[in-house]
Amino acid sequence: MLAQRLFGLGISNIKLVIVDDGSPDGTAAVARGLSGRYEDRIIVMERESKLGLGTAYIAGFKKALELGSDYVIQMDADLSHSPEYIPDMLRRLESSDVVVGSRYTPGGGVDVDWSLKRRFLSSFANRMIRAIAGLKAKDVTSGFKAYRGSALQGLDLDAFRCRGFGFQTEVAHACQQRGFRVTEHPIIFSDRTEGSSKMSANIVFEAIWRLSLLRIRGT
């Protein structure tokens, strides 16, 4: 369970913000039930309908900043992102503004059970998006990131337009444009314990289209 592993890291003053878009599996109710067990360090944000992954991240970022967080970790709650990487990512923030949990930097990788199709789509998306947008990071679709609170405050969160996974690439582009110090920390992306990947060709083309516009405009 994410909460158990996260709070077992021994990081002081850590809080878990969960954004739930009306999940039918009762995610919000389970999270609320856990909050008391962990001294109310779990904050649950419930939204009545699915408004898109990008807007969920923005809502979570705003809540984290509202709480006065010096550091913010962005990750999936399905354990595809191992919480045990977080201490090293936080240490890297001592000399960086953003740390990307990267599958494509030396030492990183993906679950051995990933299909060839899924590996190709992920690798193709990264290569295409990096080339089109001129991005330096090797894993521009990663949803596992650590930010300095000051870096998040320096982003215009309301300016992002991608509602799906293209949001990750918009953020990567914005961080590079603002001259943030971005480093990558190798991770092994595990296959999720529940559900299935939402990555698709349509999502890849959304990101490519959006970033093409941003590069043309020079923003």
N, C-alpha and C. Protein backbone atom coordinates (compact mmCIF):
# COMPACT_ATOMS: atom_id res chain seq x y z
N MET A 1 0.84 -1.20 0.00
CA MET A 1 0.00 0.00 0.00
C MET A 1 0.88 1.25 0.00
N LEU A 2 0.50 2.22 -0.82
CA LEU A 2 1.31 3.43 -0.98
C LEU A 2 1.50 4.16 0.35
N ALA A 3 0.42 4.40 1.09
CA ALA A 3 0.52 5.19 2.33
C ALA A 3 1.48 4.53 3.31
N GLN A 4 1.38 3.24 3.48
CA GLN A 4 2.24 2.53 4.42
C GLN A 4 3.70 2.66 4.04
N ARG A 5 4.00 2.48 2.76
CA ARG A 5 5.38 2.56 2.29
C ARG A 5 5.89 4.01 2.34
N LEU A 6 5.02 4.96 2.03
CA LEU A 6 5.42 6.37 2.01
C LEU A 6 5.74 6.86 3.41
N PHE A 7 4.85 6.59 4.36
CA PHE A 7 5.08 7.07 5.73
C PHE A 7 6.14 6.24 6.45
N GLY A 8 6.49 5.10 5.88
CA GLY A 8 7.55 4.28 6.46
C GLY A 8 8.94 4.72 6.05
N LEU A 9 9.05 5.76 5.23
CA LEU A 9 10.35 6.23 4.76
C LEU A 9 11.11 7.02 5.82
N GLY A 10 10.41 7.46 6.85
CA GLY A 10 11.06 8.21 7.92
C GLY A 10 11.31 9.67 7.58
N ILE A 11 10.58 10.21 6.60
CA ILE A 11 10.72 11.61 6.21
C ILE A 11 9.82 12.46 7.10
N SER A 12 10.39 13.45 7.77
CA SER A 12 9.62 14.26 8.71
C SER A 12 8.65 15.19 7.98
N ASN A 13 7.52 15.43 8.61
CA ASN A 13 6.51 16.39 8.14
C ASN A 13 5.96 16.05 6.76
N ILE A 14 5.99 14.80 6.36
CA ILE A 14 5.48 14.42 5.04
C ILE A 14 3.96 14.29 5.08
N LYS A 15 3.32 14.77 4.03
CA LYS A 15 1.87 14.65 3.89
C LYS A 15 1.56 14.08 2.51
N LEU A 16 0.43 13.39 2.42
CA LEU A 16 0.00 12.76 1.18
C LEU A 16 -1.28 13.41 0.70
N VAL A 17 -1.22 14.03 -0.48
CA VAL A 17 -2.40 14.64 -1.09
C VAL A 17 -2.90 13.72 -2.19
N ILE A 18 -4.15 13.27 -2.07
CA ILE A 18 -4.74 12.37 -3.06
C ILE A 18 -5.86 13.12 -3.77
N VAL A 19 -5.77 13.17 -5.10
CA VAL A 19 -6.82 13.80 -5.90
C VAL A 19 -7.62 12.69 -6.56
N ASP A 20 -8.91 12.63 -6.25
CA ASP A 20 -9.78 11.56 -6.76
C ASP A 20 -10.87 12.15 -7.63
N ASP A 21 -10.93 11.68 -8.87
CA ASP A 21 -11.95 12.16 -9.82
C ASP A 21 -13.14 11.20 -9.87
N GLY A 22 -13.82 11.06 -8.75
CA GLY A 22 -15.01 10.23 -8.70
C GLY A 22 -14.75 8.78 -9.05
N SER A 23 -13.62 8.22 -8.58
CA SER A 23 -13.28 6.84 -8.90
C SER A 23 -14.37 5.89 -8.40
N PRO A 24 -14.83 4.96 -9.24
CA PRO A 24 -15.88 4.03 -8.83
C PRO A 24 -15.40 2.95 -7.88
N ASP A 25 -14.08 2.86 -7.66
CA ASP A 25 -13.54 1.79 -6.80
C ASP A 25 -13.45 2.20 -5.34
N GLY A 26 -13.99 3.38 -5.00
CA GLY A 26 -14.01 3.81 -3.60
C GLY A 26 -12.68 4.31 -3.08
N THR A 27 -11.81 4.79 -3.96
CA THR A 27 -10.49 5.28 -3.57
C THR A 27 -10.58 6.35 -2.49
N ALA A 28 -11.48 7.32 -2.69
CA ALA A 28 -11.58 8.44 -1.74
C ALA A 28 -11.99 7.96 -0.35
N ALA A 29 -12.93 7.04 -0.29
CA ALA A 29 -13.40 6.54 1.00
C ALA A 29 -12.29 5.79 1.73
N VAL A 30 -11.54 4.99 1.00
CA VAL A 30 -10.42 4.26 1.61
C VAL A 30 -9.37 5.25 2.13
N ALA A 31 -9.07 6.28 1.33
CA ALA A 31 -8.07 7.27 1.74
C ALA A 31 -8.52 8.03 2.99
N ARG A 32 -9.79 8.39 3.03
CA ARG A 32 -10.30 9.09 4.22
C ARG A 32 -10.20 8.20 5.45
N GLY A 33 -10.45 6.93 5.29
CA GLY A 33 -10.36 5.99 6.40
C GLY A 33 -8.94 5.85 6.93
N LEU A 34 -7.96 5.99 6.03
CA LEU A 34 -6.56 5.87 6.43
C LEU A 34 -6.04 7.12 7.12
N SER A 35 -6.69 8.24 6.89
CA SER A 35 -6.17 9.51 7.38
C SER A 35 -5.97 9.51 8.89
N GLY A 36 -6.95 8.99 9.62
CA GLY A 36 -6.84 8.96 11.08
C GLY A 36 -5.70 8.07 11.55
N ARG A 37 -5.46 6.98 10.84
CA ARG A 37 -4.37 6.07 11.20
C ARG A 37 -3.01 6.74 11.09
N TYR A 38 -2.92 7.70 10.16
CA TYR A 38 -1.64 8.38 9.93
C TYR A 38 -1.69 9.84 10.41
N GLU A 39 -2.37 10.05 11.52
CA GLU A 39 -2.39 11.35 12.19
C GLU A 39 -2.84 12.47 11.26
N ASP A 40 -3.86 12.19 10.46
CA ASP A 40 -4.45 13.19 9.56
C ASP A 40 -3.44 13.78 8.58
N ARG A 41 -2.45 12.99 8.21
CA ARG A 41 -1.45 13.47 7.24
C ARG A 41 -1.86 13.15 5.80
N ILE A 42 -3.05 12.60 5.62
CA ILE A 42 -3.57 12.33 4.28
C ILE A 42 -4.69 13.32 3.98
N ILE A 43 -4.53 14.08 2.91
CA ILE A 43 -5.54 15.05 2.47
C ILE A 43 -6.19 14.51 1.20
N VAL A 44 -7.50 14.38 1.22
CA VAL A 44 -8.22 13.83 0.08
C VAL A 44 -9.00 14.93 -0.61
N MET A 45 -8.74 15.11 -1.89
CA MET A 45 -9.47 16.09 -2.69
C MET A 45 -10.38 15.31 -3.64
N GLU A 46 -11.68 15.47 -3.45
CA GLU A 46 -12.65 14.75 -4.26
C GLU A 46 -13.27 15.67 -5.31
N ARG A 47 -13.27 15.19 -6.55
CA ARG A 47 -13.91 15.94 -7.63
C ARG A 47 -15.02 15.05 -8.20
N GLU A 48 -16.12 15.66 -8.55
CA GLU A 48 -17.32 14.90 -8.87
C GLU A 48 -17.23 14.11 -10.17
N SER A 49 -16.40 14.55 -11.10
CA SER A 49 -16.31 13.85 -12.38
C SER A 49 -14.87 13.84 -12.87
N LYS A 50 -14.61 13.06 -13.92
CA LYS A 50 -13.26 12.98 -14.47
C LYS A 50 -12.97 14.23 -15.30
N LEU A 51 -12.10 15.08 -14.78
CA LEU A 51 -11.77 16.35 -15.41
C LEU A 51 -10.43 16.31 -16.13
N GLY A 52 -9.80 15.14 -16.13
CA GLY A 52 -8.52 15.01 -16.83
C GLY A 52 -7.34 14.95 -15.88
N LEU A 53 -6.36 14.15 -16.27
CA LEU A 53 -5.18 13.96 -15.43
C LEU A 53 -4.44 15.27 -15.17
N GLY A 54 -4.32 16.10 -16.21
CA GLY A 54 -3.60 17.36 -16.07
C GLY A 54 -4.20 18.26 -15.01
N THR A 55 -5.52 18.39 -15.03
CA THR A 55 -6.17 19.26 -14.04
C THR A 55 -6.08 18.67 -12.64
N ALA A 56 -6.01 17.34 -12.55
CA ALA A 56 -5.85 16.71 -11.23
C ALA A 56 -4.47 17.04 -10.65
N TYR A 57 -3.44 16.99 -11.49
CA TYR A 57 -2.11 17.37 -11.02
C TYR A 57 -2.09 18.82 -10.56
N ILE A 58 -2.70 19.70 -11.34
CA ILE A 58 -2.72 21.11 -10.98
C ILE A 58 -3.41 21.33 -9.64
N ALA A 59 -4.53 20.65 -9.44
CA ALA A 59 -5.24 20.76 -8.17
C ALA A 59 -4.36 20.30 -7.01
N GLY A 60 -3.64 19.19 -7.23
CA GLY A 60 -2.75 18.69 -6.19
C GLY A 60 -1.59 19.62 -5.91
N PHE A 61 -1.01 20.18 -6.97
CA PHE A 61 0.09 21.14 -6.79
C PHE A 61 -0.36 22.35 -5.99
N LYS A 62 -1.53 22.87 -6.34
CA LYS A 62 -2.03 24.07 -5.65
C LYS A 62 -2.28 23.78 -4.17
N LYS A 63 -2.80 22.60 -3.88
CA LYS A 63 -3.03 22.23 -2.48
C LYS A 63 -1.71 22.11 -1.73
N ALA A 64 -0.71 21.49 -2.37
CA ALA A 64 0.60 21.34 -1.74
C ALA A 64 1.23 22.71 -1.43
N LEU A 65 1.11 23.63 -2.38
CA LEU A 65 1.65 24.97 -2.16
C LEU A 65 0.87 25.71 -1.09
N GLU A 66 -0.43 25.48 -1.06
CA GLU A 66 -1.28 26.09 -0.03
C GLU A 66 -0.86 25.62 1.36
N LEU A 67 -0.39 24.37 1.44
CA LEU A 67 0.06 23.80 2.71
C LEU A 67 1.46 24.30 3.09
N GLY A 68 2.09 25.08 2.22
CA GLY A 68 3.41 25.64 2.50
C GLY A 68 4.54 24.66 2.28
N SER A 69 4.37 23.70 1.37
CA SER A 69 5.37 22.67 1.15
C SER A 69 6.65 23.23 0.53
N ASP A 70 7.79 22.87 1.11
CA ASP A 70 9.08 23.26 0.54
C ASP A 70 9.45 22.36 -0.63
N TYR A 71 8.99 21.10 -0.58
CA TYR A 71 9.26 20.13 -1.64
C TYR A 71 7.96 19.39 -1.96
N VAL A 72 7.77 19.11 -3.22
CA VAL A 72 6.55 18.43 -3.66
C VAL A 72 6.94 17.25 -4.55
N ILE A 73 6.40 16.08 -4.23
CA ILE A 73 6.61 14.87 -5.03
C ILE A 73 5.33 14.58 -5.81
N GLN A 74 5.47 14.38 -7.10
CA GLN A 74 4.36 14.00 -7.97
C GLN A 74 4.56 12.53 -8.34
N MET A 75 3.52 11.70 -8.10
CA MET A 75 3.66 10.28 -8.42
C MET A 75 2.29 9.64 -8.57
N ASP A 76 2.27 8.48 -9.22
CA ASP A 76 1.05 7.70 -9.34
C ASP A 76 0.82 6.93 -8.04
N ALA A 77 -0.44 6.65 -7.75
CA ALA A 77 -0.78 5.96 -6.50
C ALA A 77 -0.95 4.46 -6.69
N ASP A 78 -0.61 3.94 -7.89
CA ASP A 78 -0.82 2.51 -8.16
C ASP A 78 0.44 1.68 -7.97
N LEU A 79 1.46 2.30 -7.33
CA LEU A 79 2.74 1.66 -7.02
C LEU A 79 3.59 1.36 -8.26
N SER A 80 3.24 1.96 -9.39
CA SER A 80 4.15 1.86 -10.53
C SER A 80 5.38 2.73 -10.29
N HIS A 81 5.23 3.73 -9.42
CA HIS A 81 6.35 4.56 -8.97
C HIS A 81 6.70 4.14 -7.54
N SER A 82 7.87 3.58 -7.36
CA SER A 82 8.26 3.09 -6.04
C SER A 82 8.59 4.24 -5.08
N PRO A 83 7.90 4.33 -3.93
CA PRO A 83 8.19 5.40 -2.97
C PRO A 83 9.62 5.37 -2.46
N GLU A 84 10.27 4.21 -2.53
CA GLU A 84 11.62 4.10 -2.00
C GLU A 84 12.65 4.93 -2.76
N TYR A 85 12.28 5.45 -3.93
CA TYR A 85 13.19 6.34 -4.67
C TYR A 85 13.16 7.77 -4.09
N ILE A 86 12.14 8.09 -3.34
CA ILE A 86 11.92 9.48 -2.91
C ILE A 86 13.08 10.07 -2.10
N PRO A 87 13.64 9.38 -1.11
CA PRO A 87 14.75 10.00 -0.36
C PRO A 87 15.91 10.44 -1.25
N ASP A 88 16.28 9.62 -2.23
CA ASP A 88 17.37 10.00 -3.14
C ASP A 88 16.96 11.18 -4.01
N MET A 89 15.71 11.21 -4.44
CA MET A 89 15.24 12.32 -5.26
C MET A 89 15.26 13.62 -4.46
N LEU A 90 14.88 13.55 -3.19
CA LEU A 90 14.92 14.74 -2.33
C LEU A 90 16.35 15.22 -2.14
N ARG A 91 17.28 14.29 -1.99
CA ARG A 91 18.69 14.70 -1.83
C ARG A 91 19.17 15.41 -3.09
N ARG A 92 18.73 14.96 -4.25
CA ARG A 92 19.14 15.62 -5.50
C ARG A 92 18.56 17.02 -5.61
N LEU A 93 17.46 17.29 -4.89
CA LEU A 93 16.88 18.64 -4.92
C LEU A 93 17.76 19.65 -4.20
N GLU A 94 18.74 19.18 -3.45
CA GLU A 94 19.65 20.12 -2.79
C GLU A 94 20.43 20.94 -3.81
N SER A 95 20.60 20.39 -5.02
CA SER A 95 21.33 21.12 -6.06
C SER A 95 20.52 21.23 -7.35
N SER A 96 19.22 20.96 -7.28
CA SER A 96 18.36 21.02 -8.46
C SER A 96 17.03 21.67 -8.09
N ASP A 97 16.32 22.11 -9.12
CA ASP A 97 14.97 22.63 -8.92
C ASP A 97 13.92 21.55 -9.15
N VAL A 98 14.22 20.64 -10.07
CA VAL A 98 13.30 19.56 -10.42
C VAL A 98 14.12 18.28 -10.62
N VAL A 99 13.63 17.18 -10.08
CA VAL A 99 14.25 15.88 -10.29
C VAL A 99 13.22 14.97 -10.95
N VAL A 100 13.59 14.41 -12.09
CA VAL A 100 12.70 13.54 -12.85
C VAL A 100 13.05 12.08 -12.59
N GLY A 101 12.08 11.29 -12.16
CA GLY A 101 12.26 9.85 -12.06
C GLY A 101 12.28 9.29 -13.47
N SER A 102 13.44 8.91 -13.96
CA SER A 102 13.62 8.64 -15.39
C SER A 102 13.84 7.17 -15.71
N ARG A 103 13.07 6.70 -16.69
CA ARG A 103 13.24 5.34 -17.20
C ARG A 103 14.35 5.26 -18.24
N TYR A 104 14.70 6.42 -18.81
CA TYR A 104 15.57 6.43 -19.98
C TYR A 104 16.94 7.03 -19.73
N THR A 105 17.27 7.28 -18.48
CA THR A 105 18.63 7.69 -18.13
C THR A 105 19.38 6.42 -17.72
N PRO A 106 20.71 6.38 -17.82
CA PRO A 106 21.46 5.18 -17.45
C PRO A 106 21.08 4.67 -16.06
N GLY A 107 20.75 3.39 -16.00
CA GLY A 107 20.32 2.79 -14.73
C GLY A 107 18.83 2.66 -14.61
N GLY A 108 18.08 3.36 -15.47
CA GLY A 108 16.64 3.30 -15.44
C GLY A 108 16.11 2.21 -16.35
N GLY A 109 14.81 1.95 -16.28
CA GLY A 109 14.22 0.93 -17.13
C GLY A 109 12.75 0.74 -16.82
N VAL A 110 12.16 -0.27 -17.43
CA VAL A 110 10.74 -0.57 -17.25
C VAL A 110 10.58 -2.03 -16.83
N ASP A 111 9.40 -2.33 -16.36
CA ASP A 111 9.07 -3.68 -15.91
C ASP A 111 9.33 -4.70 -17.03
N VAL A 112 9.90 -5.83 -16.66
CA VAL A 112 10.20 -6.86 -17.66
C VAL A 112 8.93 -7.43 -18.29
N ASP A 113 7.78 -7.23 -17.64
CA ASP A 113 6.52 -7.75 -18.16
C ASP A 113 5.85 -6.83 -19.18
N TRP A 114 6.44 -5.65 -19.40
CA TRP A 114 5.87 -4.75 -20.41
C TRP A 114 5.89 -5.43 -21.77
N SER A 115 4.81 -5.25 -22.53
CA SER A 115 4.75 -5.81 -23.88
C SER A 115 5.65 -5.01 -24.82
N LEU A 116 6.00 -5.63 -25.94
CA LEU A 116 6.83 -4.95 -26.93
C LEU A 116 6.13 -3.70 -27.45
N LYS A 117 4.81 -3.79 -27.64
CA LYS A 117 4.03 -2.65 -28.13
C LYS A 117 4.11 -1.49 -27.16
N ARG A 118 3.97 -1.78 -25.88
CA ARG A 118 3.99 -0.71 -24.88
C ARG A 118 5.38 -0.09 -24.78
N ARG A 119 6.41 -0.92 -24.86
CA ARG A 119 7.78 -0.39 -24.82
C ARG A 119 8.03 0.54 -26.02
N PHE A 120 7.57 0.09 -27.19
CA PHE A 120 7.78 0.89 -28.40
C PHE A 120 7.05 2.22 -28.31
N LEU A 121 5.77 2.19 -27.87
CA LEU A 121 4.98 3.42 -27.81
C LEU A 121 5.60 4.42 -26.85
N SER A 122 6.05 3.95 -25.69
CA SER A 122 6.66 4.85 -24.71
C SER A 122 7.96 5.43 -25.23
N SER A 123 8.82 4.58 -25.80
CA SER A 123 10.10 5.04 -26.32
C SER A 123 9.90 5.99 -27.51
N PHE A 124 8.96 5.64 -28.40
CA PHE A 124 8.67 6.48 -29.56
C PHE A 124 8.16 7.85 -29.13
N ALA A 125 7.24 7.86 -28.15
CA ALA A 125 6.69 9.12 -27.66
C ALA A 125 7.79 10.02 -27.13
N ASN A 126 8.68 9.45 -26.32
CA ASN A 126 9.75 10.25 -25.75
C ASN A 126 10.67 10.82 -26.82
N ARG A 127 11.05 9.99 -27.77
CA ARG A 127 11.98 10.45 -28.80
C ARG A 127 11.36 11.54 -29.68
N MET A 128 10.11 11.34 -30.08
CA MET A 128 9.44 12.31 -30.94
C MET A 128 9.24 13.64 -30.23
N ILE A 129 8.75 13.57 -29.00
CA ILE A 129 8.46 14.79 -28.25
C ILE A 129 9.76 15.55 -27.95
N ARG A 130 10.80 14.84 -27.58
CA ARG A 130 12.08 15.50 -27.31
C ARG A 130 12.60 16.21 -28.54
N ALA A 131 12.49 15.56 -29.69
CA ALA A 131 13.00 16.14 -30.93
C ALA A 131 12.18 17.36 -31.34
N ILE A 132 10.86 17.26 -31.26
CA ILE A 132 9.98 18.34 -31.71
C ILE A 132 10.08 19.56 -30.79
N ALA A 133 10.14 19.30 -29.49
CA ALA A 133 10.15 20.41 -28.54
C ALA A 133 11.55 20.86 -28.15
N GLY A 134 12.57 20.12 -28.58
CA GLY A 134 13.93 20.49 -28.22
C GLY A 134 14.22 20.30 -26.75
N LEU A 135 13.63 19.26 -26.16
CA LEU A 135 13.78 19.03 -24.72
C LEU A 135 15.04 18.22 -24.43
N LYS A 136 15.71 18.56 -23.35
CA LYS A 136 16.96 17.90 -22.99
C LYS A 136 16.74 16.67 -22.12
N ALA A 137 15.70 16.68 -21.31
CA ALA A 137 15.43 15.54 -20.44
C ALA A 137 15.17 14.30 -21.28
N LYS A 138 15.62 13.15 -20.80
CA LYS A 138 15.46 11.92 -21.56
C LYS A 138 14.09 11.29 -21.37
N ASP A 139 13.46 11.53 -20.22
CA ASP A 139 12.12 10.97 -19.96
C ASP A 139 11.14 12.12 -19.77
N VAL A 140 10.55 12.57 -20.87
CA VAL A 140 9.68 13.75 -20.82
C VAL A 140 8.23 13.40 -20.54
N THR A 141 7.90 12.11 -20.47
CA THR A 141 6.53 11.72 -20.14
C THR A 141 6.42 11.14 -18.73
N SER A 142 7.50 11.24 -17.97
CA SER A 142 7.50 10.69 -16.62
C SER A 142 6.51 11.44 -15.72
N GLY A 143 5.74 10.67 -14.95
CA GLY A 143 4.83 11.27 -13.98
C GLY A 143 5.38 11.20 -12.57
N PHE A 144 6.65 10.87 -12.45
CA PHE A 144 7.31 10.77 -11.14
C PHE A 144 8.36 11.86 -11.07
N LYS A 145 8.04 12.94 -10.33
CA LYS A 145 8.95 14.09 -10.26
C LYS A 145 8.99 14.64 -8.84
N ALA A 146 10.10 15.28 -8.53
CA ALA A 146 10.26 16.01 -7.28
C ALA A 146 10.56 17.46 -7.61
N TYR A 147 9.86 18.37 -6.96
CA TYR A 147 10.02 19.80 -7.22
C TYR A 147 10.37 20.55 -5.94
N ARG A 148 11.17 21.56 -6.07
CA ARG A 148 11.23 22.57 -5.02
C ARG A 148 9.91 23.34 -5.05
N GLY A 149 9.39 23.69 -3.89
CA GLY A 149 8.16 24.47 -3.86
C GLY A 149 8.31 25.77 -4.63
N SER A 150 9.49 26.37 -4.55
CA SER A 150 9.73 27.63 -5.25
C SER A 150 9.66 27.46 -6.76
N ALA A 151 10.06 26.28 -7.25
CA ALA A 151 9.99 26.02 -8.69
C ALA A 151 8.54 25.93 -9.14
N LEU A 152 7.72 25.21 -8.39
CA LEU A 152 6.29 25.11 -8.74
C LEU A 152 5.63 26.48 -8.72
N GLN A 153 6.03 27.31 -7.75
CA GLN A 153 5.46 28.65 -7.68
C GLN A 153 5.87 29.48 -8.89
N GLY A 154 6.99 29.13 -9.51
CA GLY A 154 7.46 29.86 -10.68
C GLY A 154 6.79 29.45 -11.97
N LEU A 155 5.94 28.42 -11.92
CA LEU A 155 5.20 27.97 -13.10
C LEU A 155 3.80 28.56 -13.10
N ASP A 156 3.32 28.94 -14.26
CA ASP A 156 1.93 29.39 -14.40
C ASP A 156 1.07 28.14 -14.58
N LEU A 157 0.60 27.58 -13.49
CA LEU A 157 -0.12 26.31 -13.53
C LEU A 157 -1.39 26.39 -14.36
N ASP A 158 -2.01 27.55 -14.40
CA ASP A 158 -3.27 27.70 -15.13
C ASP A 158 -3.06 27.83 -16.64
N ALA A 159 -1.80 27.91 -17.07
CA ALA A 159 -1.52 28.06 -18.50
C ALA A 159 -1.44 26.73 -19.22
N PHE A 160 -1.31 25.62 -18.48
CA PHE A 160 -1.19 24.31 -19.12
C PHE A 160 -2.53 23.90 -19.72
N ARG A 161 -2.47 23.31 -20.92
CA ARG A 161 -3.69 23.00 -21.66
C ARG A 161 -3.95 21.51 -21.85
N CYS A 162 -2.92 20.68 -21.79
CA CYS A 162 -3.12 19.24 -21.99
C CYS A 162 -3.84 18.65 -20.77
N ARG A 163 -4.93 17.97 -21.06
CA ARG A 163 -5.70 17.36 -19.97
C ARG A 163 -5.21 15.94 -19.64
N GLY A 164 -4.57 15.29 -20.62
CA GLY A 164 -4.12 13.92 -20.43
C GLY A 164 -2.65 13.87 -20.09
N PHE A 165 -1.99 12.77 -20.53
CA PHE A 165 -0.59 12.56 -20.19
C PHE A 165 0.33 13.58 -20.87
N GLY A 166 -0.18 14.29 -21.86
CA GLY A 166 0.60 15.35 -22.47
C GLY A 166 0.97 16.44 -21.48
N PHE A 167 0.25 16.48 -20.36
CA PHE A 167 0.56 17.45 -19.32
C PHE A 167 2.01 17.33 -18.86
N GLN A 168 2.50 16.07 -18.78
CA GLN A 168 3.88 15.87 -18.33
C GLN A 168 4.87 16.57 -19.24
N THR A 169 4.61 16.50 -20.55
CA THR A 169 5.53 17.11 -21.50
C THR A 169 5.43 18.63 -21.48
N GLU A 170 4.23 19.15 -21.23
CA GLU A 170 4.07 20.61 -21.10
C GLU A 170 4.90 21.12 -19.92
N VAL A 171 4.85 20.39 -18.82
CA VAL A 171 5.60 20.79 -17.63
C VAL A 171 7.10 20.73 -17.90
N ALA A 172 7.54 19.66 -18.56
CA ALA A 172 8.96 19.53 -18.90
C ALA A 172 9.42 20.71 -19.76
N HIS A 173 8.58 21.09 -20.72
CA HIS A 173 8.90 22.22 -21.59
C HIS A 173 8.97 23.52 -20.79
N ALA A 174 7.99 23.74 -19.91
CA ALA A 174 7.95 24.97 -19.12
C ALA A 174 9.16 25.07 -18.20
N CYS A 175 9.55 23.96 -17.59
CA CYS A 175 10.72 23.97 -16.69
C CYS A 175 12.00 24.32 -17.44
N GLN A 176 12.14 23.76 -18.64
CA GLN A 176 13.33 24.06 -19.44
C GLN A 176 13.32 25.52 -19.90
N GLN A 177 12.16 26.01 -20.32
CA GLN A 177 12.06 27.40 -20.77
C GLN A 177 12.40 28.39 -19.68
N ARG A 178 12.11 28.05 -18.44
CA ARG A 178 12.38 28.95 -17.33
C ARG A 178 13.78 28.78 -16.76
N GLY A 179 14.54 27.90 -17.36
CA GLY A 179 15.93 27.74 -16.94
C GLY A 179 16.09 27.01 -15.63
N PHE A 180 15.11 26.20 -15.24
CA PHE A 180 15.22 25.45 -14.00
C PHE A 180 16.33 24.41 -14.12
N ARG A 181 16.95 24.12 -13.00
CA ARG A 181 17.98 23.06 -12.95
C ARG A 181 17.24 21.72 -12.85
N VAL A 182 17.23 20.98 -13.95
CA VAL A 182 16.51 19.71 -14.01
C VAL A 182 17.52 18.57 -14.08
N THR A 183 17.42 17.62 -13.17
CA THR A 183 18.25 16.42 -13.20
C THR A 183 17.35 15.20 -13.25
N GLU A 184 17.92 14.08 -13.69
CA GLU A 184 17.15 12.84 -13.78
C GLU A 184 17.74 11.79 -12.86
N HIS A 185 16.85 11.10 -12.18
CA HIS A 185 17.24 10.02 -11.28
C HIS A 185 16.71 8.71 -11.85
N PRO A 186 17.57 7.71 -12.06
CA PRO A 186 17.11 6.48 -12.68
C PRO A 186 16.11 5.72 -11.82
N ILE A 187 15.03 5.26 -12.45
CA ILE A 187 14.04 4.44 -11.77
C ILE A 187 13.68 3.25 -12.66
N ILE A 188 13.19 2.21 -12.04
CA ILE A 188 12.57 1.11 -12.76
C ILE A 188 11.06 1.31 -12.62
N PHE A 189 10.40 1.50 -13.74
CA PHE A 189 8.96 1.71 -13.74
C PHE A 189 8.28 0.35 -13.65
N SER A 190 7.63 0.09 -12.52
CA SER A 190 6.98 -1.20 -12.29
C SER A 190 5.61 -1.23 -12.93
N ASP A 191 5.16 -2.42 -13.29
CA ASP A 191 3.81 -2.56 -13.82
C ASP A 191 2.85 -2.29 -12.69
N ARG A 192 1.78 -1.56 -12.97
CA ARG A 192 0.82 -1.19 -11.94
C ARG A 192 0.17 -2.42 -11.32
N THR A 193 -0.18 -2.30 -10.04
CA THR A 193 -0.79 -3.42 -9.34
C THR A 193 -2.27 -3.55 -9.67
N GLU A 194 -2.91 -2.43 -10.05
CA GLU A 194 -4.32 -2.45 -10.43
C GLU A 194 -4.52 -1.58 -11.65
N GLY A 195 -5.54 -1.90 -12.48
CA GLY A 195 -5.87 -1.07 -13.62
C GLY A 195 -4.95 -1.34 -14.79
N SER A 196 -5.07 -0.48 -15.81
CA SER A 196 -4.26 -0.64 -17.02
C SER A 196 -3.76 0.70 -17.50
N SER A 197 -2.72 0.68 -18.30
CA SER A 197 -2.13 1.92 -18.81
C SER A 197 -3.10 2.64 -19.73
N LYS A 198 -3.12 3.98 -19.61
CA LYS A 198 -3.98 4.80 -20.47
C LYS A 198 -3.18 5.43 -21.61
N MET A 199 -1.90 5.10 -21.72
CA MET A 199 -1.08 5.62 -22.81
C MET A 199 -1.61 5.11 -24.14
N SER A 200 -1.75 6.01 -25.09
CA SER A 200 -2.25 5.62 -26.40
C SER A 200 -1.64 6.53 -27.45
N ALA A 201 -1.83 6.16 -28.72
CA ALA A 201 -1.31 6.99 -29.81
C ALA A 201 -1.96 8.37 -29.78
N ASN A 202 -3.25 8.45 -29.43
CA ASN A 202 -3.94 9.75 -29.37
C ASN A 202 -3.30 10.66 -28.34
N ILE A 203 -2.91 10.09 -27.21
CA ILE A 203 -2.28 10.88 -26.15
C ILE A 203 -0.92 11.39 -26.62
N VAL A 204 -0.18 10.54 -27.34
CA VAL A 204 1.12 10.95 -27.87
C VAL A 204 0.95 12.10 -28.85
N PHE A 205 -0.01 12.00 -29.75
CA PHE A 205 -0.21 13.05 -30.74
C PHE A 205 -0.73 14.35 -30.11
N GLU A 206 -1.49 14.24 -29.02
CA GLU A 206 -1.92 15.45 -28.30
C GLU A 206 -0.70 16.21 -27.80
N ALA A 207 0.24 15.47 -27.20
CA ALA A 207 1.45 16.10 -26.67
C ALA A 207 2.29 16.70 -27.79
N ILE A 208 2.44 15.96 -28.89
CA ILE A 208 3.24 16.46 -30.01
C ILE A 208 2.64 17.73 -30.60
N TRP A 209 1.32 17.74 -30.77
CA TRP A 209 0.63 18.90 -31.33
C TRP A 209 0.78 20.12 -30.42
N ARG A 210 0.55 19.92 -29.13
CA ARG A 210 0.63 21.03 -28.19
C ARG A 210 2.04 21.60 -28.12
N LEU A 211 3.04 20.74 -28.05
CA LEU A 211 4.42 21.21 -27.94
C LEU A 211 4.91 21.83 -29.25
N SER A 212 4.38 21.36 -30.37
CA SER A 212 4.72 21.99 -31.65
C SER A 212 4.27 23.44 -31.66
N LEU A 213 3.06 23.69 -31.15
CA LEU A 213 2.54 25.05 -31.07
C LEU A 213 3.39 25.91 -30.15
N LEU A 214 3.77 25.34 -29.00
CA LEU A 214 4.57 26.09 -28.05
C LEU A 214 5.92 26.46 -28.64
N ARG A 215 6.53 25.56 -29.38
CA ARG A 215 7.85 25.86 -29.96
C ARG A 215 7.73 26.89 -31.06
N ILE A 216 6.67 26.83 -31.85
CA ILE A 216 6.46 27.82 -32.91
C ILE A 216 6.30 29.21 -32.32
N ARG A 217 5.57 29.25 -31.19
CA ARG A 217 5.34 30.56 -30.54
C ARG A 217 6.52 31.01 -29.71
N GLY A 218 7.44 30.06 -29.43
CA GLY A 218 8.62 30.41 -28.65
C GLY A 218 8.31 30.64 -27.20
N THR A 219 7.25 29.96 -26.67
CA THR A 219 6.87 30.12 -25.27
C THR A 219 7.15 28.87 -24.47
